[in-house]
Amino acid sequence: MTTEAKVGAFTILGLALLTYIIVHLGGIGVGDKGYPVDVLFNEVNGLKPGNLVRYAGVDIGKVDDVHAEPDGAKVRLLINSGAKIPDTAIVGIGADGLMGEKYISISPGAETKGFLKPGDAITGKDQQGLDRLLVTADSVLLDIQKLVQSLNTVFGDERVQNALIDSAVSVKELTENLNRMSAVMARMAVNNEQDVKAMVTNLKFMSGSMMNAAGRVDHMLATVDNNGQTATDLREAIANLNATSKRVENMAVSIEGFVTDPETAENLKTTLRNARGVSEKANRMMNQVSNIKAETSVETLYSAGSKDYKTNADIKIHTSPNDFVLLGVNDIGEGNKTNVQIGSGSDKFASRVGLIDSKAGVGLDAKINNEFRMSVDAYDPNDLRVKLRAQYEVAPETFIVGETDSINKSEGRESFVGMRHSF
């Protein structure tokens, strides 16, 4: 071969190799064989000709054409000849990652009666895109900001703060009054113990004497005779009655002296009033105790950002149908942040106030539906932080939990996801 022939052969070989790369590796089909299927979508979100068609994750064709129609967007698929698609298949639009290329995703349907034929047309299923999710999230954040502003308006009012302080002071004073009342009752019981014992002794003697006299009279009436015994018995009965009368008089004098003493009489009145008050308070306390219910919950959360786990535990004590106390610890073994809160409200909506992550704050809980619940906490008045939580019940007393701490700050913001179980 001459030099020119060698150069020509090398050039032809290079062109053939370039053509192969363009056709087979570049995704350009020459005389592609297959059958067309039309799919109608409301919107296609960036889908274009040449995108892959996947059935159950396997590539079975490509998008041949995309064009708009009055009722949406029609997409023509070119399916490989050997691929069969059930006529009940579900067709949607997927993406390889958040910013990846779009593709047509086909999933098997239920109760397949046949397969799609060339030229068949089906309706595609619209998918929730990332853009809609971002719009929804932005709306939720705006609502949370309004909620935080409302909370700041309420709890920033000096009258509300003073009312909370007055409530705490009233509870303290009530406890001190109960302690003083208990001490007074104890002193009265000790000081009057001897008088009470003397009164009981006199009553015992009186009862014995009266029973003895009554027995004598009965015996006298039952054994009446003419030998003078009746008169003797009668004299003894009168003597016993006289002795009994004196004992009763002595007892009356003792009781009168005990009761007519002004200080003792006043103490008795105070004791009776206190006893009645204590009885009423005890009844109320027993009613409250009977309504107490406790719910214990434990959760484990994981942060993909910091690659860290944390475990939280709490006990919710319902002191009445609408009031509760929340005690717990967050980040057990690491931060050990304390939660001590009192709250009020129904199962649909409740408010809390107290320590949140060892800082003063307030919280709101809302039940959106039977499975979905949301909570928002605002705490640390010196450096206000907002925590947003959402939980979804996947099984009885078992929840998937999502939480974002310091959502109102770029620095310190951290998101967690995990599981929660209640007992």
Protein backbone atom coordinates (compact mmCIF):
# COMPACT_ATOMS: atom_id res chain seq x y z
CA MET A 1 0.00 0.00 0.00
CA THR A 2 1.18 3.46 -0.80
CA THR A 3 1.46 6.16 1.78
CA GLU A 4 -1.64 7.86 0.38
CA ALA A 5 -3.64 4.62 0.69
CA LYS A 6 -2.56 4.16 4.29
CA VAL A 7 -3.55 7.73 5.14
CA GLY A 8 -6.93 7.26 3.46
CA ALA A 9 -7.61 3.96 5.24
CA PHE A 10 -6.68 5.49 8.60
CA THR A 11 -8.98 8.44 7.92
CA ILE A 12 -11.93 6.17 7.00
CA LEU A 13 -11.38 4.10 10.16
CA GLY A 14 -11.36 7.26 12.31
CA LEU A 15 -14.58 8.51 10.72
CA ALA A 16 -16.24 5.13 11.32
CA LEU A 17 -15.17 5.16 14.97
CA LEU A 18 -16.46 8.73 15.40
CA THR A 19 -19.79 7.75 13.85
CA TYR A 20 -20.10 4.81 16.26
CA ILE A 21 -19.44 7.03 19.25
CA ILE A 22 -22.01 9.59 18.13
CA VAL A 23 -24.69 7.03 17.34
CA HIS A 24 -24.34 4.47 20.12
CA LEU A 25 -22.74 6.36 23.00
CA GLY A 26 -24.35 9.73 22.31
CA GLY A 27 -27.91 8.31 22.38
CA ILE A 28 -28.72 9.08 18.71
CA GLY A 29 -30.64 6.25 17.08
CA VAL A 30 -30.43 5.52 13.43
CA GLY A 31 -33.53 3.80 12.32
CA ASP A 32 -34.60 3.06 15.94
CA LYS A 33 -37.02 0.15 16.07
CA GLY A 34 -39.87 0.07 18.54
CA TYR A 35 -43.50 1.10 18.93
CA PRO A 36 -44.95 4.48 19.99
CA VAL A 37 -47.13 5.12 23.05
CA ASP A 38 -48.69 8.53 23.83
CA VAL A 39 -48.94 9.83 27.43
CA LEU A 40 -50.91 12.95 28.43
CA PHE A 41 -49.65 15.01 31.42
CA ASN A 42 -50.93 18.23 32.99
CA GLU A 43 -47.29 19.43 33.07
CA VAL A 44 -43.97 17.86 32.19
CA ASN A 45 -41.51 19.96 34.29
CA GLY A 46 -38.51 20.08 31.93
CA LEU A 47 -38.97 16.72 30.15
CA LYS A 48 -37.46 16.74 26.65
CA PRO A 49 -36.92 14.35 23.69
CA GLY A 50 -34.13 11.87 24.28
CA ASN A 51 -34.88 11.32 27.98
CA LEU A 52 -35.00 7.69 29.10
CA VAL A 53 -38.10 5.57 29.66
CA ARG A 54 -37.82 3.13 32.58
CA TYR A 55 -40.13 0.28 33.52
CA ALA A 56 -39.58 -0.98 37.08
CA GLY A 57 -36.18 0.74 37.00
CA VAL A 58 -35.06 -0.87 33.69
CA ASP A 59 -34.42 1.25 30.56
CA ILE A 60 -36.93 0.19 27.87
CA GLY A 61 -37.02 3.21 25.53
CA LYS A 62 -36.75 6.94 25.05
CA VAL A 63 -38.89 10.05 24.80
CA ASP A 64 -39.51 10.67 21.09
CA ASP A 65 -41.48 13.92 21.17
CA VAL A 66 -42.94 16.46 23.63
CA HIS A 67 -45.47 19.05 22.57
CA ALA A 68 -48.24 21.14 24.13
CA GLU A 69 -51.94 20.53 23.60
CA PRO A 70 -55.04 22.43 24.83
CA ASP A 71 -55.58 20.05 27.76
CA GLY A 72 -51.93 19.58 28.80
CA ALA A 73 -48.69 18.22 27.37
CA LYS A 74 -48.54 15.10 25.16
CA VAL A 75 -45.40 12.98 25.35
CA ARG A 76 -44.69 10.33 22.70
CA LEU A 77 -42.65 7.40 23.96
CA LEU A 78 -40.68 5.04 21.73
CA ILE A 79 -40.71 1.66 23.48
CA ASN A 80 -38.26 -1.10 22.55
CA SER A 81 -39.86 -3.86 20.49
CA GLY A 82 -39.26 -6.56 23.10
CA ALA A 83 -40.69 -4.58 26.03
CA LYS A 84 -44.30 -5.16 27.10
CA ILE A 85 -46.13 -2.63 29.27
CA PRO A 86 -49.33 -3.62 31.15
CA ASP A 87 -52.40 -1.57 30.21
CA THR A 88 -52.88 -0.72 33.93
CA ALA A 89 -49.34 0.62 34.38
CA ILE A 90 -48.79 3.88 36.29
CA VAL A 91 -46.77 6.45 34.32
CA GLY A 92 -45.07 9.39 36.01
CA ILE A 93 -42.08 11.72 35.69
CA GLY A 94 -39.00 11.11 37.81
CA ALA A 95 -35.57 12.68 38.19
CA ASP A 96 -32.06 11.40 38.95
CA GLY A 97 -31.54 13.34 42.21
CA LEU A 98 -32.70 16.85 43.02
CA MET A 99 -31.02 18.45 39.96
CA GLY A 100 -30.68 15.33 37.78
CA GLU A 101 -32.09 14.62 34.36
CA LYS A 102 -35.80 13.87 33.99
CA TYR A 103 -37.07 10.47 32.86
CA ILE A 104 -40.36 8.64 32.38
CA SER A 105 -41.03 6.21 35.22
CA ILE A 106 -43.45 3.31 34.59
CA SER A 107 -44.63 1.09 37.43
CA PRO A 108 -46.63 -2.14 37.11
CA GLY A 109 -50.34 -1.82 37.77
CA ALA A 110 -52.77 -4.18 39.52
CA GLU A 111 -54.92 -6.83 37.79
CA THR A 112 -53.34 -6.53 34.36
CA LYS A 113 -55.73 -7.57 31.56
CA GLY A 114 -53.41 -6.97 28.62
CA PHE A 115 -50.50 -4.92 27.27
CA LEU A 116 -50.24 -1.55 25.51
CA LYS A 117 -50.27 -1.70 21.72
CA PRO A 118 -48.53 0.63 19.25
CA GLY A 119 -50.34 3.97 19.14
CA ASP A 120 -52.20 3.55 22.45
CA ALA A 121 -52.69 6.65 24.62
CA ILE A 122 -52.82 6.73 28.44
CA THR A 123 -52.94 9.44 31.10
CA GLY A 124 -49.84 10.10 33.21
CA LYS A 125 -49.77 10.80 36.94
CA ASP A 126 -48.63 14.26 38.03
CA GLN A 127 -45.87 14.25 40.67
CA GLN A 128 -45.23 16.74 43.41
CA GLY A 129 -42.13 18.63 42.36
CA LEU A 130 -39.45 20.28 44.43
CA ASP A 131 -40.73 23.72 43.48
CA ARG A 132 -44.15 23.03 45.01
CA LEU A 133 -42.50 21.69 48.13
CA LEU A 134 -40.42 24.87 48.47
CA VAL A 135 -43.52 27.07 48.06
CA THR A 136 -45.34 25.09 50.75
CA ALA A 137 -42.34 25.29 53.09
CA ASP A 138 -42.11 29.04 52.57
CA SER A 139 -45.80 29.42 53.45
CA VAL A 140 -45.32 27.36 56.60
CA LEU A 141 -42.34 29.50 57.68
CA LEU A 142 -44.39 32.67 57.20
CA ASP A 143 -47.15 31.25 59.39
CA ILE A 144 -44.57 30.33 62.05
CA GLN A 145 -43.14 33.85 62.00
CA LYS A 146 -46.64 35.27 62.53
CA LEU A 147 -47.17 32.82 65.39
CA VAL A 148 -43.90 33.84 67.06
CA GLN A 149 -44.82 37.51 66.72
CA SER A 150 -48.19 36.82 68.34
CA LEU A 151 -46.51 34.95 71.21
CA ASN A 152 -44.06 37.83 71.72
CA THR A 153 -47.01 40.23 71.84
CA VAL A 154 -48.84 38.15 74.44
CA PHE A 155 -45.98 37.17 76.75
CA GLY A 156 -44.17 40.46 76.28
CA ASP A 157 -47.13 42.25 77.91
CA GLU A 158 -46.16 43.31 81.42
CA ARG A 159 -49.66 42.48 82.71
CA VAL A 160 -49.34 38.86 81.56
CA GLN A 161 -45.92 38.58 83.20
CA ASN A 162 -47.24 40.04 86.46
CA ALA A 163 -50.21 37.65 86.38
CA LEU A 164 -47.89 34.65 86.08
CA ILE A 165 -45.78 35.92 88.99
CA ASP A 166 -48.89 36.52 91.13
CA SER A 167 -50.10 32.97 90.42
CA ALA A 168 -46.79 31.51 91.62
CA VAL A 169 -46.88 33.67 94.79
CA SER A 170 -50.48 32.59 95.53
CA VAL A 171 -49.53 28.92 95.32
CA LYS A 172 -46.65 29.51 97.74
CA GLU A 173 -48.90 31.34 100.23
CA LEU A 174 -51.50 28.56 100.06
CA THR A 175 -48.83 25.98 100.92
CA GLU A 176 -47.61 28.04 103.89
CA ASN A 177 -51.20 28.40 105.21
CA LEU A 178 -51.72 24.64 105.03
CA ASN A 179 -48.49 24.06 106.95
CA ARG A 180 -49.49 26.52 109.69
CA MET A 181 -52.95 24.94 110.00
CA SER A 182 -51.43 21.46 110.41
CA ALA A 183 -49.09 22.76 113.13
CA VAL A 184 -52.00 24.40 115.05
CA MET A 185 -54.03 21.18 114.98
CA ALA A 186 -51.05 19.18 116.25
CA ARG A 187 -50.50 21.60 119.16
CA MET A 188 -54.19 21.52 120.12
CA ALA A 189 -54.24 17.72 120.15
CA VAL A 190 -51.21 17.64 122.50
CA ASN A 191 -52.40 20.43 124.85
CA ASN A 192 -55.94 19.05 125.38
CA GLU A 193 -55.07 15.37 125.55
CA GLN A 194 -55.46 15.13 129.39
CA ASP A 195 -58.84 16.92 129.39
CA VAL A 196 -60.22 14.57 126.77
CA LYS A 197 -59.02 11.52 128.76
CA ALA A 198 -60.71 12.81 131.94
CA MET A 199 -63.99 13.39 130.13
CA VAL A 200 -63.97 9.85 128.72
CA THR A 201 -63.25 8.37 132.21
CA ASN A 202 -66.20 10.24 133.79
CA LEU A 203 -68.53 9.08 131.05
CA LYS A 204 -67.42 5.50 131.65
CA PHE A 205 -68.18 5.72 135.40
CA MET A 206 -71.56 7.32 134.72
CA SER A 207 -72.56 4.61 132.31
CA GLY A 208 -71.58 1.84 134.74
CA SER A 209 -73.48 3.39 137.62
CA MET A 210 -76.65 3.92 135.64
CA MET A 211 -76.61 0.33 134.38
CA ASN A 212 -76.13 -0.92 137.95
CA ALA A 213 -79.06 1.17 139.18
CA ALA A 214 -81.31 -0.03 136.42
CA GLY A 215 -80.42 -3.63 137.25
CA ARG A 216 -81.32 -3.07 140.86
CA VAL A 217 -84.72 -1.64 139.98
CA ASP A 218 -85.47 -4.57 137.67
CA HIS A 219 -84.50 -7.05 140.37
CA MET A 220 -86.62 -5.21 142.90
CA LEU A 221 -89.70 -5.31 140.76
CA ALA A 222 -89.16 -8.98 139.95
CA THR A 223 -88.72 -10.12 143.58
CA VAL A 224 -91.28 -8.02 145.52
CA ASP A 225 -92.03 -9.62 148.90
CA ASN A 226 -93.36 -8.64 152.35
CA ASN A 227 -90.32 -9.29 154.47
CA GLY A 228 -88.78 -5.82 154.05
CA GLN A 229 -86.34 -6.75 151.31
CA THR A 230 -88.11 -4.50 148.81
CA ALA A 231 -87.58 -1.44 150.96
CA THR A 232 -83.95 -2.35 151.44
CA ASP A 233 -83.43 -2.73 147.71
CA LEU A 234 -85.26 0.52 147.08
CA ARG A 235 -82.98 2.38 149.50
CA GLU A 236 -79.91 0.93 147.77
CA ALA A 237 -81.25 1.89 144.35
CA ILE A 238 -81.90 5.45 145.53
CA ALA A 239 -78.40 5.62 146.98
CA ASN A 240 -76.88 4.43 143.69
CA LEU A 241 -78.91 6.97 141.76
CA ASN A 242 -77.75 9.68 144.15
CA ALA A 243 -74.09 8.65 143.63
CA THR A 244 -74.59 8.56 139.89
CA SER A 245 -76.18 12.02 139.96
CA LYS A 246 -73.15 13.37 141.80
CA ARG A 247 -70.76 11.81 139.29
CA VAL A 248 -72.74 13.30 136.41
CA GLU A 249 -72.68 16.69 138.17
CA ASN A 250 -68.91 16.44 138.66
CA MET A 251 -68.44 15.52 135.01
CA ALA A 252 -70.66 18.44 133.95
CA VAL A 253 -68.53 20.78 136.08
CA SER A 254 -65.37 19.40 134.43
CA ILE A 255 -66.78 19.78 130.95
CA GLU A 256 -68.16 23.25 131.73
CA GLY A 257 -64.77 24.38 132.97
CA PHE A 258 -63.13 22.98 129.89
CA VAL A 259 -65.58 24.51 127.41
CA THR A 260 -66.23 27.88 129.10
CA ASP A 261 -62.54 28.77 129.06
CA PRO A 262 -62.43 31.51 126.36
CA GLU A 263 -59.13 30.46 124.85
CA THR A 264 -60.09 26.76 124.78
CA ALA A 265 -63.52 27.51 123.30
CA GLU A 266 -61.95 29.65 120.58
CA ASN A 267 -59.42 26.91 119.86
CA LEU A 268 -62.24 24.39 119.54
CA LYS A 269 -64.07 26.65 117.11
CA THR A 270 -60.89 27.16 115.10
CA THR A 271 -60.23 23.43 115.11
CA LEU A 272 -63.73 22.68 113.82
CA ARG A 273 -63.40 25.31 111.08
CA ASN A 274 -59.95 24.05 110.10
CA ALA A 275 -61.12 20.44 110.16
CA ARG A 276 -63.99 21.30 107.84
CA GLY A 277 -61.65 23.24 105.53
CA VAL A 278 -59.12 20.42 105.53
CA SER A 279 -61.89 17.93 104.74
CA GLU A 280 -63.06 20.02 101.79
CA LYS A 281 -59.50 20.46 100.51
CA ALA A 282 -58.85 16.74 100.95
CA ASN A 283 -61.95 15.93 98.91
CA ARG A 284 -60.79 18.25 96.16
CA MET A 285 -57.30 16.78 96.26
CA MET A 286 -58.71 13.22 96.08
CA ASN A 287 -60.79 14.21 93.05
CA GLN A 288 -57.69 15.67 91.39
CA VAL A 289 -55.62 12.58 92.24
CA SER A 290 -58.27 10.30 90.72
CA ASN A 291 -58.02 12.31 87.46
CA ILE A 292 -54.22 12.13 87.24
CA LYS A 293 -52.94 10.24 84.19
CA ALA A 294 -49.31 9.86 83.14
CA GLU A 295 -47.85 9.27 79.66
CA THR A 296 -44.15 8.43 79.22
CA SER A 297 -42.39 8.89 75.86
CA VAL A 298 -38.86 8.14 74.61
CA GLU A 299 -37.36 9.17 71.27
CA THR A 300 -34.07 8.85 69.40
CA LEU A 301 -33.18 11.44 66.73
CA TYR A 302 -30.35 11.68 64.18
CA SER A 303 -28.88 14.75 62.49
CA ALA A 304 -27.41 14.20 59.04
CA GLY A 305 -25.64 17.56 59.24
CA SER A 306 -23.66 16.90 62.42
CA LYS A 307 -23.88 13.09 62.10
CA ASP A 308 -24.91 12.95 65.72
CA TYR A 309 -27.60 11.15 67.70
CA LYS A 310 -29.57 12.40 70.68
CA THR A 311 -32.06 10.73 73.00
CA ASN A 312 -34.97 12.53 74.68
CA ALA A 313 -37.43 11.34 77.34
CA ASP A 314 -40.42 12.99 78.99
CA ILE A 315 -43.43 12.32 81.24
CA LYS A 316 -46.73 14.13 80.63
CA ILE A 317 -48.90 14.15 83.78
CA HIS A 318 -52.57 15.12 83.23
CA THR A 319 -53.75 16.66 86.50
CA SER A 320 -57.23 17.31 85.03
CA PRO A 321 -58.96 16.85 81.67
CA ASN A 322 -57.55 20.21 80.48
CA ASP A 323 -54.38 20.71 82.58
CA PHE A 324 -51.06 18.89 82.53
CA VAL A 325 -47.43 19.01 83.71
CA LEU A 326 -44.56 18.08 81.35
CA LEU A 327 -41.27 16.83 82.85
CA GLY A 328 -38.37 15.61 80.73
CA VAL A 329 -34.73 15.67 79.69
CA ASN A 330 -33.40 16.32 76.16
CA ASP A 331 -30.06 15.08 74.81
CA ILE A 332 -29.60 12.55 77.62
CA GLY A 333 -25.95 11.89 78.46
CA GLU A 334 -24.68 14.88 76.46
CA GLY A 335 -26.37 18.21 77.11
CA ASN A 336 -28.99 16.96 79.66
CA LYS A 337 -31.35 19.85 78.94
CA THR A 338 -34.28 20.05 81.35
CA ASN A 339 -37.95 20.46 80.43
CA VAL A 340 -40.34 21.51 83.21
CA GLN A 341 -43.58 22.97 81.88
CA ILE A 342 -47.21 23.43 82.86
CA GLY A 343 -49.86 23.48 80.18
CA SER A 344 -53.55 23.73 79.46
CA GLY A 345 -55.77 22.90 76.53
CA SER A 346 -57.60 20.15 74.68
CA ASP A 347 -56.32 17.26 72.60
CA LYS A 348 -56.66 19.47 69.49
CA PHE A 349 -54.74 22.52 70.77
CA ALA A 350 -52.73 23.15 73.94
CA SER A 351 -50.28 25.76 75.25
CA ARG A 352 -47.29 25.34 77.58
CA VAL A 353 -45.05 27.61 79.69
CA GLY A 354 -41.94 26.85 81.74
CA LEU A 355 -38.39 25.61 81.07
CA ILE A 356 -37.65 24.44 77.50
CA ASP A 357 -34.15 23.03 77.03
CA SER A 358 -33.28 24.58 80.43
CA LYS A 359 -34.42 28.05 79.22
CA ALA A 360 -37.60 29.99 79.97
CA GLY A 361 -40.08 29.78 77.13
CA VAL A 362 -43.52 28.91 75.80
CA GLY A 363 -44.84 26.26 73.47
CA LEU A 364 -47.92 25.38 71.42
CA ASP A 365 -49.13 21.91 70.35
CA ALA A 366 -51.65 21.28 67.57
CA LYS A 367 -53.21 18.06 66.29
CA ILE A 368 -53.76 18.48 62.53
CA ASN A 369 -55.53 15.13 62.11
CA ASN A 370 -55.61 11.70 63.75
CA GLU A 371 -52.01 10.92 62.71
CA PHE A 372 -50.23 14.27 62.20
CA ARG A 373 -49.18 16.63 65.01
CA MET A 374 -47.10 19.80 65.11
CA SER A 375 -45.42 21.76 67.90
CA VAL A 376 -43.58 25.07 68.07
CA ASP A 377 -41.45 26.26 71.00
CA ALA A 378 -40.04 29.77 71.60
CA TYR A 379 -37.49 29.96 74.41
CA ASP A 380 -34.37 31.74 75.80
CA PRO A 381 -35.55 35.39 76.14
CA ASN A 382 -31.92 36.63 75.99
CA ASP A 383 -31.32 34.96 72.62
CA LEU A 384 -34.74 33.97 71.26
CA ARG A 385 -34.79 30.58 69.57
CA VAL A 386 -37.66 28.81 67.80
CA LYS A 387 -37.96 25.03 67.59
CA LEU A 388 -40.35 23.38 65.10
CA ARG A 389 -41.44 19.75 65.47
CA ALA A 390 -43.69 17.49 63.42
CA GLN A 391 -44.62 13.88 64.14
CA TYR A 392 -46.64 11.31 62.20
CA GLU A 393 -48.14 8.21 63.81
CA VAL A 394 -47.17 5.11 61.81
CA ALA A 395 -48.32 2.56 64.42
CA PRO A 396 -50.16 2.71 67.75
CA GLU A 397 -48.14 5.05 70.04
CA THR A 398 -45.21 5.01 67.53
CA PHE A 399 -44.28 8.16 65.58
CA ILE A 400 -41.83 9.38 62.94
CA VAL A 401 -40.43 12.69 64.26
CA GLY A 402 -38.86 15.62 62.41
CA GLU A 403 -37.34 18.52 64.36
CA THR A 404 -35.48 21.71 63.47
CA ASP A 405 -33.77 23.65 66.27
CA SER A 406 -33.10 27.42 66.07
CA ILE A 407 -35.12 27.69 62.86
CA ASN A 408 -35.04 31.48 63.14
CA LYS A 409 -31.21 31.60 63.13
CA SER A 410 -28.80 30.59 60.40
CA GLU A 411 -26.11 29.88 63.00
CA GLY A 412 -27.00 26.95 65.23
CA ARG A 413 -29.83 25.69 63.02
CA GLU A 414 -29.89 21.89 62.99
CA SER A 415 -32.45 19.33 61.78
CA PHE A 416 -33.13 15.89 63.24
CA VAL A 417 -35.25 12.93 62.22
CA GLY A 418 -36.03 9.79 64.21
CA MET A 419 -38.60 7.61 66.02
CA ARG A 420 -40.72 8.22 69.15
CA HIS A 421 -42.68 5.74 71.26
CA SER A 422 -45.16 6.39 74.06
CA PHE A 423 -46.04 4.07 76.94
